[in-house]
Amino acid sequence: MAYDDVFELIGSFGVYQKRLYVLQTLPVIFTAIQTCLSVFILFVPDHRCSIPHVHNDTYVIRSPHHERLVNQTIPLDLQIHSSISEGIRYSKCEVFKRRLNATQRTEIQAVHNSSLYSHECRRWVFDKREFDSTFVTEDNLVCRKKLHRTHATMTFMAGFTAGSFGIGVLSDGFGRKLALMFSILLHVGSNIPLSFITDFWVFSTLRFFSGVSVGGLISTTYVMNLELVGPRMRMWAGMFFQLFWGLGVLLLAAIAFLIRDWRYLNLATSLPTILFLSYYWLVPESTRWLIVRGRHKEAEKIFQHAAKVNKRKCPDRIFKGNENETTNRRRVSLGKLCSARLLVVRFLVICLNWLVVSMEFSGLSLNVSNLGGDVYLNFFMTSVAEILGFLLCIPLLNRVGRKPVYVLSLLSGGFALVLTIFPILYGERDQQWVTVGLSLIGKVGSSAAFATVFLYSAEFFPTVIRNSAIGVTNFCARFGGMLAPYVVDLGQIMEGNVARVLPMTVFGVSAVIVGLMSIILPETLNRKLPETIEDTIAFDRSNKIVYSVELDTVTSQPLNEPVRADDLQT
């Protein structure tokens, strides 16, 4: 009996699978929170240099005497066009200093007249109307240290990269449950202590390990969920997985709006993850992994329990095939993906798609502070756009297929982002809503593409290397995530409206290119989940799943070839 046929006996998505699915997917809420947390804990509020020798200085000028001190001490920011609506903007990085003698003029330059010079200030005051405190304001990550914020965000994504690949390999070699518990322990141990850190390098190190845990949790729980349900429910399992991510992002928007201090915000979003340590007793090992590893008795024990909970009758012995054959199948290296040229090309296209989709998806979330207006409202609308993108996939993926939905999502979102060139460079200030609207369309497209490529990859790669292969694609995705904060912060090296339009143009053009490349990929709708490398190579002519409406069963019907004996065994 093939593995997918077991679900005819125990139920494709019964009470047992529903309970376990929710348990395995709940951590995704907190992975979303940690991934987007940098938007708030590393937010850079408006700021200016602090007036020397004035210890009670505040960002908002409260008196004429205070204003005179500012005028005499801090130069105007000449890079910002001042107007009545914007008010006067003072320098973020420089203060005046009187001319010194010749031996003391190192690293200063003349300003306004021959008696005054400017040099970088060492104290700053920050606008606290949106945040009481962020790590940026506490550690003064501005001016010369402004890229530290970008580096810290990249460090998290680097950990995400390492976790996606490393824990994916651990999962294939030693079990999904071991990888899950290791990721949970690392998640708790890195995020909770972060609230008590003051040093930037310790902060970045903990964020790196937090990224490792997030990468491991996402790749492991997603694969466990797809291996938990029958073939008819895989699309639903994949899409609801993404909705849990969207729920986490919305929850972060609400918590961040209520808690304006970064330490308490991080603690409030980290402490609940301690409860996931109970999964050691609540979550069993993946039955598909057990079968592939030749551990049939353990798998059948879990199947018997699932059938009992689902109120289904199940025979004492489910798998009667040659167990040695299964054992031999499991010893496959990831390098076997290079056994055919067509498979190599498709694998490279999928990896490139993951890189671009992740860069676009992550970058648009991080870019909310550059859209102008209220950062909480921008983040909330972006979060809603994410969920909308996920929801739009649900009625389409099973009707028109994975590939058409994916390609259309990339092209529509990419073109919308490219079109932001026109309202930014040629539009008026009161047309800012056009830019925000196009950015949200791009977010909807990237969200739909992200959900689809996750599902597509899990259905395309065979069981024997599925988690390792998804680990590689996640590695590419996290490399894209590492690039995202640098693309978003191009405004720090560019000036004017070009700085605002360049990030979204990069995201949009990249999405259009990989969308066109994806046309060569095969469709995975209604196809049996491949077990071996050979199944993946012959994907275009592999067994197609046919659903019987009258009997509500699933059968495997060959496409242009007879049923193979291998398909009747695990």
Protein backbone atom coordinates (compact mmCIF):
# COMPACT_ATOMS: atom_id res chain seq x y z
CA MET A 1 0.00 0.00 0.00
CA ALA A 2 1.34 3.44 -0.90
CA TYR A 3 1.65 5.91 1.94
CA ASP A 4 -0.99 8.30 0.58
CA ASP A 5 -3.50 5.44 0.39
CA VAL A 6 -3.32 5.01 4.19
CA PHE A 7 -5.49 8.10 4.57
CA GLU A 8 -8.37 6.21 2.98
CA LEU A 9 -8.30 4.07 6.13
CA ILE A 10 -7.61 6.55 8.91
CA GLY A 11 -9.18 9.68 7.38
CA SER A 12 -7.58 12.48 5.39
CA PHE A 13 -8.14 15.23 7.96
CA GLY A 14 -10.01 13.88 10.92
CA VAL A 15 -10.13 14.98 14.54
CA TYR A 16 -6.68 13.55 15.20
CA GLN A 17 -5.05 15.51 12.36
CA LYS A 18 -6.91 18.70 13.21
CA ARG A 19 -5.72 18.69 16.82
CA LEU A 20 -2.16 17.89 15.88
CA TYR A 21 -2.16 20.40 13.02
CA VAL A 22 -3.13 23.25 15.33
CA LEU A 23 -0.50 22.24 17.88
CA GLN A 24 2.25 22.03 15.25
CA THR A 25 1.26 25.34 13.63
CA LEU A 26 0.87 27.52 16.74
CA PRO A 27 4.64 28.26 16.91
CA VAL A 28 4.37 29.88 13.47
CA ILE A 29 2.54 32.80 15.10
CA PHE A 30 5.62 33.57 17.16
CA THR A 31 8.04 33.02 14.28
CA ALA A 32 6.16 35.74 12.40
CA ILE A 33 6.37 38.01 15.42
CA GLN A 34 10.13 37.54 15.79
CA THR A 35 10.74 38.01 12.07
CA CYS A 36 8.92 41.36 11.96
CA LEU A 37 9.90 42.51 15.46
CA SER A 38 12.86 44.46 14.04
CA VAL A 39 10.41 46.97 12.57
CA PHE A 40 9.64 48.14 16.11
CA ILE A 41 12.56 47.33 18.39
CA LEU A 42 15.02 48.74 15.83
CA PHE A 43 12.86 51.64 14.71
CA VAL A 44 14.71 54.93 14.16
CA PRO A 45 12.56 57.86 15.41
CA ASP A 46 13.13 61.44 14.29
CA HIS A 47 16.11 62.81 16.18
CA ARG A 48 18.61 65.63 16.37
CA CYS A 49 21.80 66.41 18.23
CA SER A 50 21.41 67.21 21.88
CA ILE A 51 22.35 70.74 23.00
CA PRO A 52 25.74 70.57 24.73
CA HIS A 53 25.64 71.00 28.53
CA VAL A 54 21.80 70.86 28.59
CA HIS A 55 20.84 67.62 30.34
CA ASN A 56 17.05 68.00 30.18
CA ASP A 57 16.97 68.58 26.43
CA THR A 58 13.95 67.14 24.57
CA TYR A 59 13.24 66.70 20.87
CA VAL A 60 10.23 69.06 20.92
CA ILE A 61 11.26 72.70 21.43
CA ARG A 62 9.23 73.99 24.35
CA SER A 63 10.40 77.58 24.88
CA PRO A 64 11.95 80.56 23.02
CA HIS A 65 15.03 80.25 25.23
CA HIS A 66 15.41 76.60 24.21
CA GLU A 67 14.98 77.54 20.55
CA ARG A 68 17.74 80.13 20.78
CA LEU A 69 20.08 77.52 22.25
CA VAL A 70 19.26 75.17 19.36
CA ASN A 71 19.83 77.89 16.76
CA GLN A 72 23.19 78.74 18.24
CA THR A 73 24.35 75.15 18.66
CA ILE A 74 22.88 72.90 15.95
CA PRO A 75 22.93 73.70 12.21
CA LEU A 76 19.89 73.26 10.00
CA ASP A 77 19.65 70.03 8.04
CA LEU A 78 20.24 71.37 4.55
CA GLN A 79 19.28 68.05 2.91
CA ILE A 80 15.64 68.45 3.98
CA HIS A 81 13.43 70.97 2.25
CA SER A 82 11.83 73.05 5.00
CA SER A 83 8.28 74.28 4.69
CA ILE A 84 5.54 75.57 6.97
CA SER A 85 3.97 72.10 7.17
CA GLU A 86 7.24 70.35 7.95
CA GLY A 87 8.71 72.94 10.27
CA ILE A 88 12.41 73.61 10.81
CA ARG A 89 14.62 70.51 10.81
CA TYR A 90 17.90 70.61 12.70
CA SER A 91 20.91 68.45 11.96
CA LYS A 92 20.78 64.85 13.12
CA CYS A 93 24.53 64.46 13.36
CA GLU A 94 26.34 67.81 13.74
CA VAL A 95 26.75 70.59 16.28
CA PHE A 96 28.60 73.91 16.03
CA LYS A 97 31.98 74.42 17.53
CA ARG A 98 34.08 77.58 17.59
CA ARG A 99 37.36 77.77 15.71
CA LEU A 100 40.20 76.05 17.47
CA ASN A 101 43.91 76.57 17.06
CA ALA A 102 45.81 74.87 14.25
CA THR A 103 46.77 71.82 16.32
CA GLN A 104 43.13 71.07 17.25
CA ARG A 105 41.36 71.26 13.87
CA THR A 106 41.36 67.56 13.12
CA GLU A 107 38.23 66.24 11.38
CA ILE A 108 36.20 69.48 11.44
CA GLN A 109 35.02 71.73 8.64
CA ALA A 110 33.92 75.34 8.40
CA VAL A 111 30.24 76.25 8.57
CA HIS A 112 28.57 79.61 7.89
CA ASN A 113 31.58 81.72 8.81
CA SER A 114 35.23 81.49 9.67
CA SER A 115 34.67 81.33 13.44
CA LEU A 116 32.35 78.30 13.59
CA TYR A 117 32.89 74.67 12.69
CA SER A 118 30.69 71.62 12.88
CA HIS A 119 31.56 68.19 14.21
CA GLU A 120 29.56 65.07 14.91
CA CYS A 121 27.62 65.17 18.13
CA ARG A 122 27.87 62.46 20.76
CA ARG A 123 24.44 62.79 22.36
CA TRP A 124 21.03 62.80 20.71
CA VAL A 125 17.43 63.50 21.61
CA PHE A 126 14.70 61.42 20.00
CA ASP A 127 11.08 62.03 19.17
CA LYS A 128 9.09 59.91 21.65
CA ARG A 129 5.64 60.47 20.22
CA GLU A 130 5.62 57.00 18.61
CA PHE A 131 8.02 55.03 20.83
CA ASP A 132 9.09 55.43 24.43
CA SER A 133 12.24 53.46 23.75
CA THR A 134 13.83 51.32 21.04
CA PHE A 135 17.21 49.63 21.01
CA VAL A 136 18.30 52.29 18.51
CA THR A 137 17.53 55.12 20.95
CA GLU A 138 19.19 53.35 23.87
CA ASP A 139 22.38 52.48 22.01
CA ASN A 140 22.42 55.58 19.76
CA LEU A 141 22.53 53.61 16.52
CA VAL A 142 22.45 56.74 14.35
CA CYS A 143 24.87 58.81 12.26
CA ARG A 144 28.18 56.92 12.15
CA LYS A 145 26.46 53.84 13.62
CA LYS A 146 23.36 54.05 11.43
CA LEU A 147 24.22 50.88 9.52
CA HIS A 148 24.38 48.95 12.80
CA ARG A 149 20.60 48.74 12.67
CA THR A 150 20.73 47.21 9.19
CA HIS A 151 23.45 44.81 10.30
CA ALA A 152 21.34 43.70 13.27
CA THR A 153 18.39 42.95 11.00
CA MET A 154 20.65 41.10 8.60
CA THR A 155 22.10 39.08 11.49
CA PHE A 156 18.64 37.75 12.33
CA MET A 157 18.11 36.78 8.69
CA ALA A 158 21.55 35.12 8.65
CA GLY A 159 20.44 32.99 11.59
CA PHE A 160 17.21 32.28 9.73
CA THR A 161 19.35 31.04 6.84
CA ALA A 162 21.50 28.79 9.02
CA GLY A 163 18.45 27.37 10.82
CA SER A 164 16.51 26.64 7.64
CA PHE A 165 19.32 24.58 6.19
CA GLY A 166 21.02 23.12 9.28
CA ILE A 167 17.89 22.12 11.17
CA GLY A 168 16.37 20.85 7.92
CA VAL A 169 19.26 18.41 7.54
CA LEU A 170 18.94 17.50 11.24
CA SER A 171 15.25 16.80 10.69
CA ASP A 172 15.87 14.42 7.79
CA GLY A 173 18.65 12.61 9.59
CA PHE A 174 17.38 12.33 13.16
CA GLY A 175 13.66 13.01 12.99
CA ARG A 176 11.16 15.84 12.70
CA LYS A 177 10.35 15.81 16.42
CA LEU A 178 13.97 16.18 17.52
CA ALA A 179 14.41 19.12 15.15
CA LEU A 180 11.18 20.67 16.43
CA MET A 181 12.17 20.43 20.10
CA PHE A 182 15.68 21.74 19.43
CA SER A 183 14.20 24.76 17.62
CA ILE A 184 11.78 25.46 20.48
CA LEU A 185 14.54 25.30 23.11
CA LEU A 186 16.68 27.68 21.05
CA HIS A 187 13.72 30.00 20.52
CA VAL A 188 13.03 30.32 24.24
CA GLY A 189 16.70 30.56 25.20
CA SER A 190 17.54 33.36 22.77
CA ASN A 191 14.48 35.60 22.83
CA ILE A 192 13.67 35.96 26.52
CA PRO A 193 17.20 37.06 27.62
CA LEU A 194 17.19 39.69 24.83
CA SER A 195 15.03 41.99 26.93
CA PHE A 196 17.87 42.43 29.45
CA ILE A 197 20.69 43.17 26.98
CA THR A 198 22.41 46.54 26.57
CA ASP A 199 25.43 45.67 24.38
CA PHE A 200 24.95 45.75 20.60
CA TRP A 201 27.10 42.69 19.88
CA VAL A 202 25.33 40.55 22.48
CA PHE A 203 22.03 41.83 21.10
CA SER A 204 23.03 40.80 17.56
CA THR A 205 24.27 37.39 18.70
CA LEU A 206 20.97 36.58 20.43
CA ARG A 207 19.05 37.78 17.39
CA PHE A 208 21.15 35.44 15.26
CA PHE A 209 20.18 32.43 17.38
CA SER A 210 16.59 33.62 17.37
CA GLY A 211 16.76 33.54 13.58
CA VAL A 212 18.18 30.00 13.70
CA SER A 213 15.21 28.88 15.79
CA VAL A 214 12.70 30.62 13.51
CA GLY A 215 14.18 29.04 10.40
CA GLY A 216 14.10 25.60 12.01
CA LEU A 217 10.55 25.95 13.28
CA ILE A 218 9.13 27.10 9.95
CA SER A 219 10.76 24.43 7.80
CA THR A 220 10.12 21.60 10.26
CA THR A 221 6.51 22.39 11.17
CA TYR A 222 5.54 22.97 7.54
CA VAL A 223 6.90 19.59 6.45
CA MET A 224 5.32 17.86 9.46
CA ASN A 225 1.95 19.36 8.58
CA LEU A 226 2.08 18.25 4.95
CA GLU A 227 3.12 14.76 6.02
CA LEU A 228 0.29 14.66 8.54
CA VAL A 229 -2.67 15.03 6.17
CA GLY A 230 -3.98 13.20 3.11
CA PRO A 231 -3.29 14.38 -0.45
CA ARG A 232 -6.67 16.12 -0.75
CA MET A 233 -5.86 18.36 2.20
CA ARG A 234 -2.26 19.34 1.45
CA MET A 235 -3.19 22.60 -0.22
CA TRP A 236 -5.42 23.55 2.70
CA ALA A 237 -2.74 22.59 5.19
CA GLY A 238 -0.22 24.76 3.38
CA MET A 239 -2.53 27.77 3.10
CA PHE A 240 -3.76 27.70 6.69
CA PHE A 241 -0.12 27.48 7.74
CA GLN A 242 0.39 30.87 6.06
CA LEU A 243 -2.71 32.28 7.77
CA PHE A 244 -1.14 31.49 11.14
CA TRP A 245 1.82 33.60 10.01
CA GLY A 246 -0.56 36.44 9.09
CA LEU A 247 -2.25 36.13 12.47
CA GLY A 248 1.14 36.52 14.14
CA VAL A 249 1.90 39.68 12.20
CA LEU A 250 -1.48 41.20 13.09
CA LEU A 251 -0.95 40.26 16.74
CA LEU A 252 2.43 42.01 16.67
CA ALA A 253 0.82 45.17 15.27
CA ALA A 254 -1.64 45.24 18.19
CA ILE A 255 0.93 44.44 20.90
CA ALA A 256 3.45 46.98 19.54
CA PHE A 257 0.76 49.68 19.49
CA LEU A 258 0.00 49.00 23.17
CA ILE A 259 3.58 48.49 24.40
CA ARG A 260 5.93 51.29 23.30
CA ASP A 261 9.05 50.17 25.20
CA TRP A 262 11.12 47.65 23.22
CA ARG A 263 12.16 45.59 26.27
CA TYR A 264 8.61 44.98 27.48
CA LEU A 265 7.47 44.40 23.89
CA ASN A 266 10.08 41.70 23.35
CA LEU A 267 9.30 40.08 26.71
CA ALA A 268 5.55 40.06 26.05
CA THR A 269 6.06 38.30 22.71
CA SER A 270 8.66 35.81 24.00
CA LEU A 271 7.36 34.49 27.33
CA PRO A 272 4.39 32.53 25.88
CA THR A 273 6.77 30.34 23.86
CA ILE A 274 7.75 28.53 27.08
CA LEU A 275 4.49 26.59 26.73
CA PHE A 276 5.77 24.93 23.56
CA LEU A 277 8.20 22.88 25.63
CA SER A 278 5.20 20.64 26.39
CA TYR A 279 5.37 19.41 22.77
CA TYR A 280 7.86 16.79 23.94
CA TRP A 281 4.84 14.88 25.28
CA LEU A 282 2.10 16.19 22.95
CA VAL A 283 3.55 15.87 19.42
CA PRO A 284 4.53 12.48 17.91
CA GLU A 285 7.12 11.79 15.23
CA SER A 286 6.10 12.15 11.57
CA THR A 287 4.76 8.82 10.30
CA ARG A 288 6.02 9.46 6.79
CA TRP A 289 9.57 9.96 8.13
CA LEU A 290 9.27 6.79 10.20
CA ILE A 291 8.18 4.78 7.16
CA VAL A 292 10.97 6.13 4.99
CA ARG A 293 13.46 5.25 7.74
CA GLY A 294 12.06 1.70 7.91
CA ARG A 295 10.48 2.07 11.37
CA HIS A 296 7.12 0.56 10.39
CA LYS A 297 6.00 -0.61 13.84
CA GLU A 298 6.25 2.87 15.34
CA ALA A 299 4.39 4.36 12.39
CA GLU A 300 1.62 1.77 12.52
CA LYS A 301 1.15 2.39 16.24
CA ILE A 302 0.54 6.08 15.50
CA PHE A 303 -1.80 5.20 12.62
CA GLN A 304 -3.82 2.91 14.88
CA HIS A 305 -4.22 5.71 17.42
CA ALA A 306 -5.20 8.18 14.67
CA ALA A 307 -7.82 5.78 13.31
CA LYS A 308 -9.26 5.32 16.79
CA VAL A 309 -9.54 9.06 17.40
CA ASN A 310 -11.05 9.55 13.93
CA LYS A 311 -13.49 6.65 14.60
CA ARG A 312 -12.22 4.64 11.65
CA LYS A 313 -11.52 0.90 11.41
CA CYS A 314 -7.93 0.03 10.63
CA PRO A 315 -6.31 -3.41 10.03
CA ASP A 316 -3.64 -4.65 12.41
CA ARG A 317 -1.04 -4.62 9.65
CA ILE A 318 -1.09 -1.75 7.16
CA PHE A 319 2.24 -2.02 5.37
CA LYS A 320 3.07 -5.44 3.97
CA GLY A 321 5.77 -4.44 1.52
CA ASN A 322 9.48 -5.22 1.63
CA GLU A 323 10.87 -3.23 4.54
CA ASN A 324 14.42 -3.66 3.30
CA GLU A 325 13.49 -1.85 0.11
CA THR A 326 12.29 1.10 2.15
CA THR A 327 15.46 1.08 4.17
CA ASN A 328 17.52 1.24 0.99
CA ARG A 329 15.49 4.14 -0.35
CA ARG A 330 16.13 6.28 2.65
CA ARG A 331 19.87 6.47 2.08
CA VAL A 332 19.85 9.18 -0.55
CA SER A 333 22.05 12.27 -0.60
CA LEU A 334 20.94 15.71 -1.65
CA GLY A 335 23.46 15.51 -4.51
CA LYS A 336 21.12 13.09 -6.32
CA LEU A 337 19.15 16.16 -7.41
CA CYS A 338 21.94 16.70 -9.97
CA SER A 339 21.28 13.35 -11.65
CA ALA A 340 19.33 14.92 -14.55
CA ARG A 341 19.78 18.20 -16.40
CA LEU A 342 16.07 19.02 -16.36
CA LEU A 343 15.94 18.48 -12.60
CA VAL A 344 18.98 20.72 -12.07
CA VAL A 345 17.42 23.54 -14.10
CA ARG A 346 14.12 23.29 -12.22
CA PHE A 347 15.90 23.14 -8.89
CA LEU A 348 17.91 26.29 -9.69
CA VAL A 349 14.78 28.13 -10.84
CA ILE A 350 12.98 27.20 -7.61
CA CYS A 351 15.97 28.37 -5.53
CA LEU A 352 16.12 31.70 -7.37
CA ASN A 353 12.37 32.15 -6.89
CA TRP A 354 12.74 31.59 -3.16
CA LEU A 355 15.50 34.19 -2.99
CA VAL A 356 13.51 36.89 -4.80
CA VAL A 357 10.14 36.15 -3.19
CA SER A 358 11.66 36.22 0.30
CA MET A 359 13.56 39.44 -0.43
CA GLU A 360 10.39 41.10 -1.69
CA PHE A 361 8.16 39.70 1.06
CA SER A 362 10.53 40.67 3.90
CA GLY A 363 11.61 43.95 2.34
CA LEU A 364 8.09 45.31 1.94
CA SER A 365 7.41 44.64 5.63
CA LEU A 366 10.62 46.40 6.68
CA ASN A 367 9.88 49.28 4.29
CA VAL A 368 6.78 50.47 6.17
CA SER A 369 8.76 53.18 7.97
CA ASN A 370 9.75 54.67 4.58
CA LEU A 371 6.18 55.01 3.30
CA GLY A 372 5.50 58.08 5.42
CA GLY A 373 2.70 58.57 7.93
CA ASP A 374 1.99 56.48 11.00
CA VAL A 375 4.23 53.40 11.23
CA TYR A 376 1.58 51.41 13.15
CA LEU A 377 -1.07 52.07 10.52
CA ASN A 378 1.34 51.23 7.70
CA PHE A 379 2.35 47.99 9.39
CA PHE A 380 -1.28 47.08 10.07
CA MET A 381 -2.28 47.65 6.44
CA THR A 382 0.73 45.65 5.26
CA SER A 383 -0.29 42.82 7.60
CA VAL A 384 -3.83 42.84 6.22
CA ALA A 385 -2.37 42.76 2.70
CA GLU A 386 -0.38 39.65 3.67
CA ILE A 387 -3.49 37.82 4.85
CA LEU A 388 -5.42 38.97 1.78
CA GLY A 389 -2.70 37.52 -0.44
CA PHE A 390 -2.89 34.21 1.41
CA LEU A 391 -6.70 34.11 1.20
CA LEU A 392 -6.79 34.86 -2.53
CA CYS A 393 -4.80 31.67 -3.16
CA ILE A 394 -7.28 29.35 -1.47
CA PRO A 395 -10.09 29.35 -4.10
CA LEU A 396 -7.60 29.34 -6.99
CA LEU A 397 -4.88 26.81 -6.22
CA ASN A 398 -7.12 23.76 -6.60
CA ARG A 399 -9.03 25.17 -9.57
CA VAL A 400 -6.41 26.68 -11.87
CA GLY A 401 -3.27 25.07 -10.45
CA ARG A 402 -0.20 26.05 -8.46
CA LYS A 403 1.89 27.42 -11.34
CA PRO A 404 -0.65 29.88 -12.85
CA VAL A 405 -1.45 31.34 -9.42
CA TYR A 406 2.24 31.69 -8.62
CA VAL A 407 3.27 33.32 -11.90
CA LEU A 408 0.32 35.73 -11.88
CA SER A 409 1.03 36.73 -8.27
CA LEU A 410 4.66 37.57 -9.04
CA LEU A 411 3.90 39.51 -12.21
CA SER A 412 1.00 41.55 -10.81
CA GLY A 413 2.82 42.42 -7.60
CA GLY A 414 6.06 43.16 -9.42
CA PHE A 415 4.48 45.51 -11.95
CA ALA A 416 2.63 47.36 -9.16
CA LEU A 417 5.92 48.02 -7.36
CA VAL A 418 7.60 49.22 -10.55
CA LEU A 419 4.70 51.66 -11.09
CA THR A 420 5.53 53.44 -7.81
CA ILE A 421 8.14 55.30 -9.87
CA PHE A 422 5.46 57.62 -11.24
CA PRO A 423 3.68 58.88 -8.08
CA ILE A 424 7.01 59.25 -6.24
CA LEU A 425 9.00 61.02 -8.95
CA TYR A 426 6.21 62.88 -10.74
CA GLY A 427 3.28 63.03 -8.31
CA GLU A 428 2.33 65.67 -5.74
CA ARG A 429 2.54 65.27 -1.98
CA ASP A 430 -1.23 64.78 -1.70
CA GLN A 431 -0.92 61.69 -3.95
CA GLN A 432 1.06 59.76 -1.34
CA TRP A 433 -1.87 57.34 -1.01
CA VAL A 434 -1.16 56.10 -4.56
CA THR A 435 2.33 55.01 -3.53
CA VAL A 436 0.98 53.27 -0.43
CA GLY A 437 -1.73 51.56 -2.48
CA LEU A 438 0.72 50.24 -5.06
CA SER A 439 3.01 49.04 -2.28
CA LEU A 440 0.09 47.13 -0.73
CA ILE A 441 -0.73 45.51 -4.08
CA GLY A 442 2.90 44.43 -4.27
CA LYS A 443 2.57 42.98 -0.77
CA VAL A 444 -0.56 41.04 -1.73
CA GLY A 445 1.26 39.60 -4.74
CA SER A 446 4.38 38.70 -2.75
CA SER A 447 2.28 37.07 -0.01
CA ALA A 448 0.37 34.95 -2.52
CA ALA A 449 3.64 33.97 -4.21
CA PHE A 450 5.28 33.15 -0.88
CA ALA A 451 2.42 30.87 0.15
CA THR A 452 2.36 29.14 -3.22
CA VAL A 453 6.10 28.56 -3.57
CA PHE A 454 6.17 26.97 -0.11
CA LEU A 455 3.41 24.55 -1.08
CA TYR A 456 4.85 23.93 -4.53
CA SER A 457 8.31 23.06 -3.22
CA ALA A 458 6.95 20.60 -0.67
CA GLU A 459 4.94 18.86 -3.41
CA PHE A 460 7.78 18.82 -5.95
CA PHE A 461 10.64 17.38 -3.87
CA PRO A 462 10.60 13.64 -2.97
CA THR A 463 10.18 12.33 0.57
CA VAL A 464 13.73 10.96 0.86
CA ILE A 465 15.24 14.46 0.66
CA ARG A 466 12.21 16.72 1.12
CA ASN A 467 13.29 18.47 4.29
CA SER A 468 16.89 18.82 3.10
CA ALA A 469 15.77 20.23 -0.26
CA ILE A 470 13.37 22.65 1.43
CA GLY A 471 16.26 23.53 3.71
CA VAL A 472 18.30 24.53 0.64
CA THR A 473 15.46 26.59 -0.80
CA ASN A 474 14.98 28.19 2.59
CA PHE A 475 18.71 28.93 2.60
CA CYS A 476 18.22 30.82 -0.66
CA ALA A 477 15.14 32.52 0.76
CA ARG A 478 17.01 33.68 3.85
CA PHE A 479 19.85 34.97 1.69
CA GLY A 480 17.18 37.08 0.01
CA GLY A 481 15.99 38.08 3.46
CA MET A 482 19.54 39.12 4.34
CA LEU A 483 19.64 41.35 1.25
CA ALA A 484 16.24 42.90 2.02
CA PRO A 485 17.30 45.32 4.82
CA TYR A 486 20.15 46.64 2.67
CA VAL A 487 17.80 47.22 -0.26
CA VAL A 488 15.35 49.00 2.05
CA ASP A 489 18.14 51.21 3.44
CA LEU A 490 19.38 52.31 0.03
CA GLY A 491 17.96 55.68 1.09
CA GLN A 492 20.92 56.09 3.43
CA ILE A 493 23.34 56.27 0.51
CA MET A 494 21.00 57.90 -2.04
CA GLU A 495 19.22 61.25 -1.79
CA GLY A 496 15.85 62.68 -2.70
CA ASN A 497 12.91 60.79 -4.17
CA VAL A 498 15.24 58.33 -5.88
CA ALA A 499 16.02 56.92 -2.43
CA ARG A 500 12.32 56.21 -1.87
CA VAL A 501 11.60 54.66 -5.24
CA LEU A 502 14.75 52.54 -5.63
CA PRO A 503 13.90 49.80 -3.07
CA MET A 504 10.45 49.11 -4.52
CA THR A 505 11.83 49.20 -8.07
CA VAL A 506 14.46 46.58 -7.18
CA PHE A 507 11.78 44.39 -5.59
CA GLY A 508 9.40 44.82 -8.52
CA VAL A 509 11.85 44.15 -11.36
CA SER A 510 13.22 41.06 -9.59
CA ALA A 511 9.70 39.67 -9.13
CA VAL A 512 8.85 40.12 -12.81
CA ILE A 513 12.04 38.37 -13.93
CA VAL A 514 11.61 35.25 -11.77
CA GLY A 515 7.89 35.16 -12.57
CA LEU A 516 8.72 34.76 -16.26
CA MET A 517 11.37 32.12 -15.47
CA SER A 518 8.81 30.06 -13.52
CA ILE A 519 6.89 29.24 -16.69
CA ILE A 520 9.21 26.25 -17.27
CA LEU A 521 8.23 24.56 -13.98
CA PRO A 522 5.76 21.62 -14.00
CA GLU A 523 2.32 21.67 -12.41
CA THR A 524 1.93 19.74 -9.13
CA LEU A 525 -1.85 19.92 -8.75
CA ASN A 526 -3.45 16.49 -8.18
CA ARG A 527 -0.11 14.68 -8.40
CA LYS A 528 1.07 12.01 -5.98
CA LEU A 529 3.66 13.25 -3.54
CA PRO A 530 6.93 11.86 -5.01
CA GLU A 531 8.78 9.37 -2.84
CA THR A 532 12.06 8.96 -4.75
CA ILE A 533 14.38 10.98 -7.01
CA GLU A 534 13.12 8.95 -9.96
CA ASP A 535 9.54 10.04 -9.20
CA THR A 536 10.62 13.67 -9.32
CA ILE A 537 12.54 13.28 -12.58
CA ALA A 538 9.44 11.74 -14.20
CA PHE A 539 7.11 14.27 -12.60
CA ASP A 540 5.38 15.30 -15.84
CA ARG A 541 4.28 11.71 -16.45
CA SER A 542 3.95 10.52 -12.85
CA ASN A 543 0.79 9.12 -11.31
CA LYS A 544 -2.07 11.55 -11.10
CA ILE A 545 -4.49 11.52 -8.19
CA VAL A 546 -8.11 11.04 -9.20
CA TYR A 547 -10.89 11.77 -6.72
CA SER A 548 -14.07 9.72 -6.73
CA VAL A 549 -16.97 11.92 -5.69
CA GLU A 550 -19.38 9.06 -5.10
CA LEU A 551 -17.05 7.00 -2.90
CA ASP A 552 -15.09 9.96 -1.51
CA THR A 553 -11.88 8.02 -1.99
CA VAL A 554 -8.53 8.67 -3.55
CA THR A 555 -7.00 6.42 -6.21
CA SER A 556 -3.82 6.58 -8.21
CA GLN A 557 -4.28 6.55 -11.96
CA PRO A 558 -1.25 6.36 -14.27
CA LEU A 559 -0.64 8.94 -16.95
CA ASN A 560 0.31 7.21 -20.22
CA GLU A 561 1.95 4.26 -18.44
CA PRO A 562 0.86 1.20 -16.41
CA VAL A 563 0.85 1.11 -12.65
CA ARG A 564 4.29 0.22 -11.33
CA ALA A 565 4.82 -2.43 -8.69
CA ASP A 566 6.78 0.08 -6.66
CA ASP A 567 3.67 2.21 -6.29
CA LEU A 568 1.92 -0.59 -4.41
CA GLN A 569 4.59 -0.64 -1.74
CA THR A 570 5.90 1.95 0.66
